[in-house]
Protein backbone atom coordinates (compact mmCIF):
# COMPACT_ATOMS: atom_id res chain seq x y z
CA GLN A 1 0.00 0.00 0.00
CA VAL A 2 1.29 3.45 -0.94
CA GLN A 3 0.21 6.78 0.47
CA LEU A 4 0.97 10.33 -0.61
CA LEU A 5 0.67 12.88 2.17
CA GLU A 6 0.56 16.56 1.24
CA SER A 7 1.10 19.62 3.37
CA GLY A 8 1.57 23.35 2.98
CA GLY A 9 -1.59 24.75 1.43
CA GLY A 10 -3.42 27.78 2.75
CA LEU A 11 -4.51 31.34 2.16
CA VAL A 12 -2.04 33.88 0.82
CA GLN A 13 -2.25 37.37 -0.64
CA PRO A 14 -1.40 38.02 -4.29
CA GLY A 15 2.35 38.21 -4.71
CA GLY A 16 2.93 35.92 -1.77
CA SER A 17 4.55 32.50 -1.53
CA LEU A 18 3.60 29.02 -0.43
CA ARG A 19 5.51 25.78 -0.27
CA LEU A 20 3.76 22.48 -0.88
CA SER A 21 5.35 19.23 0.23
CA CYS A 22 4.41 15.65 -0.49
CA VAL A 23 5.93 12.53 0.99
CA ALA A 24 5.34 9.04 -0.35
CA SER A 25 5.27 6.13 2.07
CA GLY A 26 4.57 2.42 1.96
CA SER A 27 6.03 -0.58 0.18
CA ILE A 28 7.94 1.47 -2.37
CA VAL A 29 10.54 -0.05 -4.67
CA SER A 30 10.98 2.80 -7.12
CA ILE A 31 9.47 6.23 -7.67
CA TYR A 32 9.53 7.45 -11.23
CA VAL A 33 7.86 10.77 -11.93
CA MET A 34 6.57 12.93 -9.07
CA GLY A 35 4.57 16.05 -9.51
CA TRP A 36 1.66 18.34 -8.81
CA TYR A 37 -1.68 18.86 -10.52
CA ARG A 38 -4.40 21.33 -9.68
CA ARG A 39 -8.11 21.74 -10.17
CA ALA A 40 -9.66 25.18 -9.99
CA PRO A 41 -13.41 25.64 -9.47
CA GLY A 42 -15.27 24.94 -12.68
CA LYS A 43 -12.14 23.86 -14.53
CA GLN A 44 -10.49 20.61 -15.47
CA ARG A 45 -7.51 19.26 -13.62
CA GLU A 46 -4.23 20.44 -15.10
CA LEU A 47 -0.61 19.47 -14.71
CA VAL A 48 1.36 22.11 -12.83
CA ALA A 49 4.81 20.58 -12.55
CA THR A 50 6.58 17.25 -12.64
CA VAL A 51 10.10 16.09 -11.94
CA THR A 52 11.77 12.87 -13.02
CA SER A 53 13.86 10.63 -10.80
CA ASP A 54 17.02 12.27 -12.15
CA GLY A 55 15.71 15.76 -11.42
CA ARG A 56 14.45 16.97 -14.78
CA PRO A 57 11.53 19.38 -14.27
CA ASN A 58 8.57 20.12 -16.47
CA LEU A 59 6.35 23.09 -15.65
CA LEU A 60 3.12 24.55 -16.93
CA ASP A 61 3.90 27.63 -19.03
CA SER A 62 1.84 29.94 -16.84
CA VAL A 63 3.89 29.08 -13.73
CA LYS A 64 7.37 29.15 -15.26
CA GLY A 65 9.53 31.72 -13.53
CA ARG A 66 7.28 31.66 -10.46
CA PHE A 67 7.12 28.00 -9.36
CA THR A 68 9.93 25.53 -8.90
CA ILE A 69 9.74 21.81 -8.28
CA SER A 70 12.31 19.66 -6.55
CA ARG A 71 12.53 16.22 -5.03
CA ASP A 72 14.56 14.35 -2.46
CA ASN A 73 14.84 10.73 -3.58
CA ALA A 74 16.24 9.61 -0.24
CA LYS A 75 13.14 10.95 1.55
CA ASN A 76 10.58 10.13 -1.18
CA THR A 77 9.56 13.78 -1.13
CA VAL A 78 8.59 16.32 -3.76
CA VAL A 79 8.31 20.04 -3.06
CA LEU A 80 6.55 22.75 -5.06
CA GLN A 81 7.77 26.24 -4.21
CA MET A 82 5.24 28.79 -5.38
CA ASN A 83 6.24 32.45 -5.55
CA SER A 84 4.52 35.53 -6.93
CA LEU A 85 1.19 33.83 -6.52
CA LYS A 86 -1.79 35.11 -8.47
CA PRO A 87 -5.53 34.74 -7.84
CA GLU A 88 -5.71 32.42 -10.85
CA ASP A 89 -3.44 29.99 -9.00
CA THR A 90 -6.29 29.32 -6.59
CA ALA A 91 -7.11 25.62 -6.75
CA VAL A 92 -6.90 22.32 -4.99
CA TYR A 93 -3.39 20.99 -5.56
CA TYR A 94 -2.83 17.24 -5.79
CA CYS A 95 0.42 15.39 -5.41
CA ASN A 96 0.98 12.68 -8.01
CA ALA A 97 3.59 9.96 -8.30
CA VAL A 98 4.29 6.95 -10.48
CA ILE A 99 5.49 4.23 -8.14
CA SER A 100 6.50 0.62 -8.36
CA THR A 101 5.93 -1.64 -5.37
CA GLY A 102 7.59 -4.53 -7.15
CA ALA A 103 5.10 -5.04 -9.94
CA LEU A 104 4.17 -2.70 -12.78
CA PRO A 105 4.32 1.00 -11.86
CA GLN A 106 1.05 2.62 -10.88
CA THR A 107 -0.11 6.19 -10.48
CA TYR A 108 -0.95 7.41 -7.00
CA TRP A 109 -2.65 10.59 -5.83
CA GLY A 110 -2.68 12.57 -2.64
CA GLN A 111 -5.87 13.79 -1.02
CA GLY A 112 -5.38 17.37 -2.19
CA THR A 113 -4.54 20.61 -0.45
CA GLN A 114 -6.34 23.91 -0.94
CA VAL A 115 -4.39 26.95 -2.14
CA THR A 116 -6.28 30.23 -2.08
CA VAL A 117 -4.75 33.44 -3.38
CA SER A 118 -6.84 36.42 -2.37
CA SER A 119 -6.55 39.85 -0.82
C-alpha cells in the first residue's frame, strides 16, 4: 500500500509564496515521476509541474519563472515552491507519483490541499 501525504496549502495574498510538500510512504521499490496537478473551481484538472527521478523538471507555461519543483529521492519527497502567486493559482493541488511496489508501476494521488490566493 502506498500513500501520498501533502502539506503546505493555505490562504495567501497576491504576490505571496507558499511551499507544498508531499511525501510518499509504503512498500515502495521505485518512484519514477513525481509532480503536482491542480483543479480550480469549474475547470479541469491540469498538470502544474513534474520532476523525473534524475531531477528533470517540467512546468506549466503559466507558472514558469514563479514555481519551482524539486525532489529528495532519499526521503521520497517532492516540493513545489510557489512564488509571486496570483488569484488564478487558486485551486486544490494534488500530489501525483508513479510508483512501483515490485510489480508494474502505478499512479498514485494525494488527497489534495487547498491553495487560495486572495486579498
